[in-house]
């Protein structure tokens, strides 16, 4: 699996091939010492993330929708100058 990923196989293709979740695939790759690729958000995804966040959606839900990590969304929102709500707070 590690050699396939390093040769360019995507996480979703590995999920399908091995019948594992994305989390399971990534855990196995990390355990093998594979350096994971970070897929930057597209400009359309950034705009969607900003709109969703401004409409009260939590970062975790945005990350799930965009098929990326919580930290990837959070860091990009900060980079875009979005004022983050305290964790666990609701949108008023």
PDB file of N, CA and C in Angstrom:
ATOM      1  N   UNK A   1       0.821  -1.183   0.000  1.00  0.00           N
ATOM      2  CA  UNK A   1       0.000   0.000   0.000  1.00  0.00           C
ATOM      3  C   UNK A   1       0.871   1.256   0.000  1.00  0.00           C
ATOM      4  N   UNK A   2       1.918   1.259   0.795  1.00  0.00           N
ATOM      5  CA  UNK A   2       2.800   2.425   0.875  1.00  0.00           C
ATOM      6  C   UNK A   2       3.425   2.722  -0.478  1.00  0.00           C
ATOM      7  N   UNK A   3       3.866   1.686  -1.167  1.00  0.00           N
ATOM      8  CA  UNK A   3       4.500   1.900  -2.476  1.00  0.00           C
ATOM      9  C   UNK A   3       3.493   2.426  -3.491  1.00  0.00           C
ATOM     10  N   UNK A   4       2.246   1.981  -3.395  1.00  0.00           N
ATOM     11  CA  UNK A   4       1.203   2.489  -4.295  1.00  0.00           C
ATOM     12  C   UNK A   4       0.960   3.975  -4.048  1.00  0.00           C
ATOM     13  N   UNK A   5       0.863   4.351  -2.768  1.00  0.00           N
ATOM     14  CA  UNK A   5       0.632   5.750  -2.410  1.00  0.00           C
ATOM     15  C   UNK A   5       1.801   6.615  -2.885  1.00  0.00           C
ATOM     16  N   UNK A   6       3.005   6.149  -2.629  1.00  0.00           N
ATOM     17  CA  UNK A   6       4.191   6.908  -3.030  1.00  0.00           C
ATOM     18  C   UNK A   6       4.313   7.008  -4.549  1.00  0.00           C
ATOM     19  N   UNK A   7       3.701   6.069  -5.269  1.00  0.00           N
ATOM     20  CA  UNK A   7       3.706   6.105  -6.734  1.00  0.00           C
ATOM     21  C   UNK A   7       2.588   6.988  -7.286  1.00  0.00           C
ATOM     22  N   UNK A   8       1.749   7.540  -6.380  1.00  0.00           N
ATOM     23  CA  UNK A   8       0.723   8.480  -6.822  1.00  0.00           C
ATOM     24  C   UNK A   8      -0.712   8.051  -6.613  1.00  0.00           C
ATOM     25  N   UNK A   9      -0.933   6.856  -6.081  1.00  0.00           N
ATOM     26  CA  UNK A   9      -2.306   6.421  -5.818  1.00  0.00           C
ATOM     27  C   UNK A   9      -2.955   7.371  -4.817  1.00  0.00           C
ATOM     28  N   UNK A  10      -4.234   7.660  -5.026  1.00  0.00           N
ATOM     29  CA  UNK A  10      -4.954   8.556  -4.126  1.00  0.00           C
ATOM     30  C   UNK A  10      -5.503   7.783  -2.934  1.00  0.00           C
ATOM     31  N   UNK A  11      -5.781   8.507  -1.878  1.00  0.00           N
ATOM     32  CA  UNK A  11      -6.368   7.881  -0.697  1.00  0.00           C
ATOM     33  C   UNK A  11      -7.704   7.219  -1.037  1.00  0.00           C
ATOM     34  N   UNK A  12      -8.623   7.913  -1.772  1.00  0.00           N
ATOM     35  CA  UNK A  12      -9.885   7.241  -2.113  1.00  0.00           C
ATOM     36  C   UNK A  12      -9.694   5.955  -2.921  1.00  0.00           C
ATOM     37  N   UNK A  13      -8.713   5.943  -3.828  1.00  0.00           N
ATOM     38  CA  UNK A  13      -8.496   4.715  -4.608  1.00  0.00           C
ATOM     39  C   UNK A  13      -7.984   3.592  -3.706  1.00  0.00           C
ATOM     40  N   UNK A  14      -7.145   3.926  -2.735  1.00  0.00           N
ATOM     41  CA  UNK A  14      -6.662   2.916  -1.792  1.00  0.00           C
ATOM     42  C   UNK A  14      -7.797   2.417  -0.902  1.00  0.00           C
ATOM     43  N   UNK A  15      -8.698   3.321  -0.522  1.00  0.00           N
ATOM     44  CA  UNK A  15      -9.865   2.919   0.278  1.00  0.00           C
ATOM     45  C   UNK A  15     -10.675   1.871  -0.474  1.00  0.00           C
ATOM     46  N   UNK A  16     -10.892   2.130  -1.757  1.00  0.00           N
ATOM     47  CA  UNK A  16     -11.674   1.200  -2.575  1.00  0.00           C
ATOM     48  C   UNK A  16     -10.942  -0.127  -2.753  1.00  0.00           C
ATOM     49  N   UNK A  17      -9.661  -0.050  -3.039  1.00  0.00           N
ATOM     50  CA  UNK A  17      -8.870  -1.260  -3.270  1.00  0.00           C
ATOM     51  C   UNK A  17      -8.825  -2.156  -2.040  1.00  0.00           C
ATOM     52  N   UNK A  18      -8.602  -1.554  -0.864  1.00  0.00           N
ATOM     53  CA  UNK A  18      -8.400  -2.338   0.352  1.00  0.00           C
ATOM     54  C   UNK A  18      -9.636  -2.438   1.241  1.00  0.00           C
ATOM     55  N   UNK A  19     -10.719  -1.744   0.867  1.00  0.00           N
ATOM     56  CA  UNK A  19     -11.943  -1.818   1.653  1.00  0.00           C
ATOM     57  C   UNK A  19     -11.812  -1.211   3.034  1.00  0.00           C
ATOM     58  N   UNK A  20     -10.979  -0.170   3.140  1.00  0.00           N
ATOM     59  CA  UNK A  20     -10.762   0.499   4.422  1.00  0.00           C
ATOM     60  C   UNK A  20     -11.242   1.942   4.351  1.00  0.00           C
ATOM     61  N   UNK A  21     -11.464   2.531   5.520  1.00  0.00           N
ATOM     62  CA  UNK A  21     -11.838   3.942   5.585  1.00  0.00           C
ATOM     63  C   UNK A  21     -10.621   4.816   5.301  1.00  0.00           C
ATOM     64  N   UNK A  22     -10.885   6.079   5.016  1.00  0.00           N
ATOM     65  CA  UNK A  22      -9.794   7.031   4.795  1.00  0.00           C
ATOM     66  C   UNK A  22      -8.909   7.105   6.035  1.00  0.00           C
ATOM     67  N   UNK A  23      -9.535   7.147   7.200  1.00  0.00           N
ATOM     68  CA  UNK A  23      -8.783   7.202   8.451  1.00  0.00           C
ATOM     69  C   UNK A  23      -7.884   5.980   8.599  1.00  0.00           C
ATOM     70  N   UNK A  24      -8.425   4.812   8.270  1.00  0.00           N
ATOM     71  CA  UNK A  24      -7.640   3.581   8.365  1.00  0.00           C
ATOM     72  C   UNK A  24      -6.457   3.572   7.416  1.00  0.00           C
ATOM     73  N   UNK A  25      -6.683   4.013   6.190  1.00  0.00           N
ATOM     74  CA  UNK A  25      -5.597   4.081   5.200  1.00  0.00           C
ATOM     75  C   UNK A  25      -4.510   5.028   5.679  1.00  0.00           C
ATOM     76  N   UNK A  26      -4.908   6.223   6.107  1.00  0.00           N
ATOM     77  CA  UNK A  26      -3.923   7.219   6.539  1.00  0.00           C
ATOM     78  C   UNK A  26      -3.148   6.744   7.761  1.00  0.00           C
ATOM     79  N   UNK A  27      -3.821   6.059   8.670  1.00  0.00           N
ATOM     80  CA  UNK A  27      -3.146   5.530   9.860  1.00  0.00           C
ATOM     81  C   UNK A  27      -2.086   4.504   9.459  1.00  0.00           C
ATOM     82  N   UNK A  28      -2.458   3.608   8.563  1.00  0.00           N
ATOM     83  CA  UNK A  28      -1.501   2.592   8.106  1.00  0.00           C
ATOM     84  C   UNK A  28      -0.311   3.225   7.388  1.00  0.00           C
ATOM     85  N   UNK A  29      -0.575   4.223   6.555  1.00  0.00           N
ATOM     86  CA  UNK A  29       0.517   4.896   5.847  1.00  0.00           C
ATOM     87  C   UNK A  29       1.451   5.596   6.832  1.00  0.00           C
ATOM     88  N   UNK A  30       0.864   6.286   7.823  1.00  0.00           N
ATOM     89  CA  UNK A  30       1.694   6.950   8.846  1.00  0.00           C
ATOM     90  C   UNK A  30       2.525   5.933   9.607  1.00  0.00           C
ATOM     91  N   UNK A  31       1.906   4.812   9.965  1.00  0.00           N
ATOM     92  CA  UNK A  31       2.619   3.757  10.691  1.00  0.00           C
ATOM     93  C   UNK A  31       3.798   3.216   9.881  1.00  0.00           C
ATOM     94  N   UNK A  32       3.681   3.251   8.563  1.00  0.00           N
ATOM     95  CA  UNK A  32       4.758   2.799   7.679  1.00  0.00           C
ATOM     96  C   UNK A  32       5.804   3.886   7.448  1.00  0.00           C
ATOM     97  N   UNK A  33       5.574   5.070   8.026  1.00  0.00           N
ATOM     98  CA  UNK A  33       6.531   6.161   7.881  1.00  0.00           C
ATOM     99  C   UNK A  33       6.421   6.924   6.574  1.00  0.00           C
ATOM    100  N   UNK A  34       5.290   6.773   5.895  1.00  0.00           N
ATOM    101  CA  UNK A  34       5.079   7.461   4.621  1.00  0.00           C
ATOM    102  C   UNK A  34       4.758   8.928   4.885  1.00  0.00           C
ATOM    103  N   UNK A  35       5.402   9.819   4.127  1.00  0.00           N
ATOM    104  CA  UNK A  35       5.084  11.247   4.227  1.00  0.00           C
ATOM    105  C   UNK A  35       3.817  11.495   3.416  1.00  0.00           C
ATOM    106  N   UNK A  36       2.772  11.947   4.106  1.00  0.00           N
ATOM    107  CA  UNK A  36       1.481  12.133   3.454  1.00  0.00           C
ATOM    108  C   UNK A  36       1.466  13.416   2.635  1.00  0.00           C
ATOM    109  N   UNK A  37       0.790  13.333   1.497  1.00  0.00           N
ATOM    110  CA  UNK A  37       0.633  14.512   0.641  1.00  0.00           C
ATOM    111  C   UNK A  37      -0.445  15.405   1.235  1.00  0.00           C
ATOM    112  N   UNK A  38      -0.213  16.687   1.169  1.00  0.00           N
ATOM    113  CA  UNK A  38      -1.221  17.664   1.587  1.00  0.00           C
ATOM    114  C   UNK A  38      -1.804  18.270   0.326  1.00  0.00           C
ATOM    115  N   UNK A  39      -3.093  18.140   0.187  1.00  0.00           N
ATOM    116  CA  UNK A  39      -3.778  18.676  -0.977  1.00  0.00           C
ATOM    117  C   UNK A  39      -4.325  20.050  -0.609  1.00  0.00           C
ATOM    118  N   UNK A  40      -3.777  21.109  -1.188  1.00  0.00           N
ATOM    119  CA  UNK A  40      -4.268  22.440  -0.832  1.00  0.00           C
ATOM    120  C   UNK A  40      -5.706  22.631  -1.298  1.00  0.00           C
ATOM    121  N   UNK A  41      -6.437  23.453  -0.564  1.00  0.00           N
ATOM    122  CA  UNK A  41      -7.804  23.764  -0.957  1.00  0.00           C
ATOM    123  C   UNK A  41      -7.787  24.647  -2.198  1.00  0.00           C
ATOM    124  N   UNK A  42      -8.744  24.414  -3.092  1.00  0.00           N
ATOM    125  CA  UNK A  42      -8.880  25.270  -4.265  1.00  0.00           C
ATOM    126  C   UNK A  42      -9.505  26.595  -3.837  1.00  0.00           C
ATOM    127  N   UNK A  43      -9.447  27.591  -4.697  1.00  0.00           N
ATOM    128  CA  UNK A  43     -10.049  28.886  -4.356  1.00  0.00           C
ATOM    129  C   UNK A  43     -11.555  28.738  -4.154  1.00  0.00           C
ATOM    130  N   UNK A  44     -12.211  27.872  -4.929  1.00  0.00           N
ATOM    131  CA  UNK A  44     -13.650  27.638  -4.740  1.00  0.00           C
ATOM    132  C   UNK A  44     -13.925  26.994  -3.382  1.00  0.00           C
ATOM    133  N   UNK A  45     -13.075  26.064  -2.985  1.00  0.00           N
ATOM    134  CA  UNK A  45     -13.247  25.422  -1.680  1.00  0.00           C
ATOM    135  C   UNK A  45     -13.030  26.415  -0.546  1.00  0.00           C
ATOM    136  N   UNK A  46     -12.068  27.310  -0.706  1.00  0.00           N
ATOM    137  CA  UNK A  46     -11.810  28.325   0.319  1.00  0.00           C
ATOM    138  C   UNK A  46     -13.029  29.228   0.463  1.00  0.00           C
ATOM    139  N   UNK A  47     -13.592  29.655  -0.652  1.00  0.00           N
ATOM    140  CA  UNK A  47     -14.783  30.516  -0.599  1.00  0.00           C
ATOM    141  C   UNK A  47     -15.953  29.793   0.057  1.00  0.00           C
ATOM    142  N   UNK A  48     -16.135  28.518  -0.280  1.00  0.00           N
ATOM    143  CA  UNK A  48     -17.205  27.736   0.338  1.00  0.00           C
ATOM    144  C   UNK A  48     -16.963  27.595   1.835  1.00  0.00           C
ATOM    145  N   UNK A  49     -15.732  27.321   2.225  1.00  0.00           N
ATOM    146  CA  UNK A  49     -15.398  27.187   3.650  1.00  0.00           C
ATOM    147  C   UNK A  49     -15.709  28.479   4.394  1.00  0.00           C
ATOM    148  N   UNK A  50     -15.327  29.608   3.814  1.00  0.00           N
ATOM    149  CA  UNK A  50     -15.590  30.901   4.461  1.00  0.00           C
ATOM    150  C   UNK A  50     -17.090  31.140   4.610  1.00  0.00           C
ATOM    151  N   UNK A  51     -17.857  30.876   3.553  1.00  0.00           N
ATOM    152  CA  UNK A  51     -19.313  31.076   3.613  1.00  0.00           C
ATOM    153  C   UNK A  51     -19.951  30.155   4.643  1.00  0.00           C
ATOM    154  N   UNK A  52     -19.542  28.892   4.631  1.00  0.00           N
ATOM    155  CA  UNK A  52     -20.112  27.950   5.592  1.00  0.00           C
ATOM    156  C   UNK A  52     -19.793  28.373   7.020  1.00  0.00           C
ATOM    157  N   UNK A  53     -18.548  28.778   7.254  1.00  0.00           N
ATOM    158  CA  UNK A  53     -18.146  29.179   8.602  1.00  0.00           C
ATOM    159  C   UNK A  53     -18.914  30.421   9.039  1.00  0.00           C
ATOM    160  N   UNK A  54     -19.039  31.382   8.132  1.00  0.00           N
ATOM    161  CA  UNK A  54     -19.769  32.614   8.451  1.00  0.00           C
ATOM    162  C   UNK A  54     -21.251  32.354   8.698  1.00  0.00           C
ATOM    163  N   UNK A  55     -21.776  31.244   8.170  1.00  0.00           N
ATOM    164  CA  UNK A  55     -23.170  30.875   8.408  1.00  0.00           C
ATOM    165  C   UNK A  55     -23.322  29.934   9.602  1.00  0.00           C
ATOM    166  N   UNK A  56     -22.243  29.782  10.373  1.00  0.00           N
ATOM    167  CA  UNK A  56     -22.334  29.054  11.630  1.00  0.00           C
ATOM    168  C   UNK A  56     -21.918  27.599  11.620  1.00  0.00           C
ATOM    169  N   UNK A  57     -21.491  27.091  10.485  1.00  0.00           N
ATOM    170  CA  UNK A  57     -21.068  25.689  10.441  1.00  0.00           C
ATOM    171  C   UNK A  57     -19.746  25.512  11.188  1.00  0.00           C
ATOM    172  N   UNK A  58     -19.610  24.439  11.946  1.00  0.00           N
ATOM    173  CA  UNK A  58     -18.339  24.178  12.636  1.00  0.00           C
ATOM    174  C   UNK A  58     -17.258  23.745  11.642  1.00  0.00           C
ATOM    175  N   UNK A  59     -16.026  24.007  12.000  1.00  0.00           N
ATOM    176  CA  UNK A  59     -14.904  23.660  11.132  1.00  0.00           C
ATOM    177  C   UNK A  59     -14.901  22.166  10.809  1.00  0.00           C
ATOM    178  N   UNK A  60     -15.217  21.331  11.775  1.00  0.00           N
ATOM    179  CA  UNK A  60     -15.218  19.882  11.533  1.00  0.00           C
ATOM    180  C   UNK A  60     -16.200  19.506  10.422  1.00  0.00           C
ATOM    181  N   UNK A  61     -17.375  20.129  10.405  1.00  0.00           N
ATOM    182  CA  UNK A  61     -18.366  19.841   9.362  1.00  0.00           C
ATOM    183  C   UNK A  61     -17.885  20.327   8.000  1.00  0.00           C
ATOM    184  N   UNK A  62     -17.220  21.472   7.993  1.00  0.00           N
ATOM    185  CA  UNK A  62     -16.676  22.009   6.746  1.00  0.00           C
ATOM    186  C   UNK A  62     -15.598  21.069   6.214  1.00  0.00           C
ATOM    187  N   UNK A  63     -14.735  20.605   7.099  1.00  0.00           N
ATOM    188  CA  UNK A  63     -13.662  19.689   6.700  1.00  0.00           C
ATOM    189  C   UNK A  63     -14.239  18.409   6.108  1.00  0.00           C
ATOM    190  N   UNK A  64     -15.279  17.883   6.720  1.00  0.00           N
ATOM    191  CA  UNK A  64     -15.925  16.679   6.202  1.00  0.00           C
ATOM    192  C   UNK A  64     -16.496  16.938   4.817  1.00  0.00           C
ATOM    193  N   UNK A  65     -17.178  18.051   4.658  1.00  0.00           N
ATOM    194  CA  UNK A  65     -17.775  18.409   3.355  1.00  0.00           C
ATOM    195  C   UNK A  65     -16.709  18.540   2.273  1.00  0.00           C
ATOM    196  N   UNK A  66     -15.555  19.105   2.627  1.00  0.00           N
ATOM    197  CA  UNK A  66     -14.490  19.331   1.651  1.00  0.00           C
ATOM    198  C   UNK A  66     -13.519  18.156   1.553  1.00  0.00           C
ATOM    199  N   UNK A  67     -13.761  17.113   2.322  1.00  0.00           N
ATOM    200  CA  UNK A  67     -12.903  15.922   2.338  1.00  0.00           C
ATOM    201  C   UNK A  67     -11.449  16.287   2.621  1.00  0.00           C
ATOM    202  N   UNK A  68     -11.273  17.048   3.700  1.00  0.00           N
ATOM    203  CA  UNK A  68      -9.937  17.452   4.120  1.00  0.00           C
ATOM    204  C   UNK A  68      -9.893  17.434   5.640  1.00  0.00           C
ATOM    205  N   UNK A  69      -8.790  17.844   6.212  1.00  0.00           N
ATOM    206  CA  UNK A  69      -8.656  17.796   7.665  1.00  0.00           C
ATOM    207  C   UNK A  69      -9.174  19.073   8.329  1.00  0.00           C
ATOM    208  N   UNK A  70      -9.505  18.927   9.599  1.00  0.00           N
ATOM    209  CA  UNK A  70      -9.913  20.062  10.424  1.00  0.00           C
ATOM    210  C   UNK A  70      -8.826  21.133  10.392  1.00  0.00           C
ATOM    211  N   UNK A  71      -7.576  20.712  10.607  1.00  0.00           N
ATOM    212  CA  UNK A  71      -6.475  21.681  10.654  1.00  0.00           C
ATOM    213  C   UNK A  71      -6.260  22.388   9.329  1.00  0.00           C
ATOM    214  N   UNK A  72      -6.459  21.689   8.223  1.00  0.00           N
ATOM    215  CA  UNK A  72      -6.314  22.311   6.912  1.00  0.00           C
ATOM    216  C   UNK A  72      -7.326  23.452   6.753  1.00  0.00           C
ATOM    217  N   UNK A  73      -8.577  23.199   7.117  1.00  0.00           N
ATOM    218  CA  UNK A  73      -9.617  24.231   7.021  1.00  0.00           C
ATOM    219  C   UNK A  73      -9.323  25.360   7.995  1.00  0.00           C
ATOM    220  N   UNK A  74      -9.013  25.020   9.229  1.00  0.00           N
ATOM    221  CA  UNK A  74      -8.766  26.042  10.252  1.00  0.00           C
ATOM    222  C   UNK A  74      -7.620  26.968   9.845  1.00  0.00           C
ATOM    223  N   UNK A  75      -6.515  26.378   9.414  1.00  0.00           N
ATOM    224  CA  UNK A  75      -5.357  27.189   9.026  1.00  0.00           C
ATOM    225  C   UNK A  75      -5.672  28.078   7.831  1.00  0.00           C
ATOM    226  N   UNK A  76      -6.455  27.565   6.886  1.00  0.00           N
ATOM    227  CA  UNK A  76      -6.787  28.380   5.714  1.00  0.00           C
ATOM    228  C   UNK A  76      -7.736  29.516   6.085  1.00  0.00           C
ATOM    229  N   UNK A  77      -8.696  29.266   6.983  1.00  0.00           N
ATOM    230  CA  UNK A  77      -9.590  30.337   7.433  1.00  0.00           C
ATOM    231  C   UNK A  77      -8.787  31.440   8.113  1.00  0.00           C
ATOM    232  N   UNK A  78      -7.837  31.056   8.951  1.00  0.00           N
ATOM    233  CA  UNK A  78      -6.984  32.042   9.624  1.00  0.00           C
ATOM    234  C   UNK A  78      -6.196  32.834   8.590  1.00  0.00           C
ATOM    235  N   UNK A  79      -5.619  32.144   7.617  1.00  0.00           N
ATOM    236  CA  UNK A  79      -4.839  32.804   6.567  1.00  0.00           C
ATOM    237  C   UNK A  79      -5.695  33.800   5.787  1.00  0.00           C
ATOM    238  N   UNK A  80      -6.976  33.488   5.638  1.00  0.00           N
ATOM    239  CA  UNK A  80      -7.898  34.360   4.914  1.00  0.00           C
ATOM    240  C   UNK A  80      -8.422  35.500   5.786  1.00  0.00           C
ATOM    241  N   UNK A  81      -8.002  35.546   7.044  1.00  0.00           N
ATOM    242  CA  UNK A  81      -8.398  36.636   7.927  1.00  0.00           C
ATOM    243  C   UNK A  81      -9.745  36.468   8.592  1.00  0.00           C
ATOM    244  N   UNK A  82     -10.275  35.258   8.579  1.00  0.00           N
ATOM    245  CA  UNK A  82     -11.562  34.992   9.210  1.00  0.00           C
ATOM    246  C   UNK A  82     -11.371  34.963  10.721  1.00  0.00           C
ATOM    247  N   UNK A  83     -12.221  35.687  11.441  1.00  0.00           N
ATOM    248  CA  UNK A  83     -12.186  35.698  12.905  1.00  0.00           C
ATOM    249  C   UNK A  83     -12.843  34.412  13.397  1.00  0.00           C
ATOM    250  N   UNK A  84     -12.066  33.548  14.033  1.00  0.00           N
ATOM    251  CA  UNK A  84     -12.599  32.267  14.483  1.00  0.00           C
ATOM    252  C   UNK A  84     -13.350  32.407  15.794  1.00  0.00           C
ATOM    253  N   UNK A  85     -14.429  31.623  15.898  1.00  0.00           N
ATOM    254  CA  UNK A  85     -15.198  31.570  17.140  1.00  0.00           C
ATOM    255  C   UNK A  85     -14.449  30.690  18.134  1.00  0.00           C
ATOM    256  N   UNK A  86     -14.657  30.909  19.435  1.00  0.00           N
ATOM    257  CA  UNK A  86     -14.065  29.990  20.415  1.00  0.00           C
ATOM    258  C   UNK A  86     -14.620  28.583  20.185  1.00  0.00           C
ATOM    259  N   UNK A  87     -13.800  27.582  20.434  1.00  0.00           N
ATOM    260  CA  UNK A  87     -14.250  26.196  20.247  1.00  0.00           C
ATOM    261  C   UNK A  87     -15.494  25.926  21.076  1.00  0.00           C
ATOM    262  N   UNK A  88     -16.435  25.258  20.453  1.00  0.00           N
ATOM    263  CA  UNK A  88     -17.652  24.868  21.150  1.00  0.00           C
ATOM    264  C   UNK A  88     -18.710  25.947  21.222  1.00  0.00           C
ATOM    265  N   UNK A  89     -18.398  27.143  20.749  1.00  0.00           N
ATOM    266  CA  UNK A  89     -19.404  28.204  20.808  1.00  0.00           C
ATOM    267  C   UNK A  89     -20.328  28.099  19.610  1.00  0.00           C
ATOM    268  N   UNK A  90     -21.533  28.587  19.790  1.00  0.00           N
ATOM    269  CA  UNK A  90     -22.490  28.568  18.689  1.00  0.00           C
ATOM    270  C   UNK A  90     -22.506  29.920  18.002  1.00  0.00           C
ATOM    271  N   UNK A  91     -23.000  29.901  16.799  1.00  0.00           N
ATOM    272  CA  UNK A  91     -23.086  31.131  16.010  1.00  0.00           C
ATOM    273  C   UNK A  91     -24.331  31.881  16.424  1.00  0.00           C
ATOM    274  N   UNK A  92     -24.196  33.168  16.660  1.00  0.00           N
ATOM    275  CA  UNK A  92     -25.367  33.982  17.041  1.00  0.00           C
ATOM    276  C   UNK A  92     -25.879  34.762  15.860  1.00  0.00           C
TER     277      UNK A  92
END
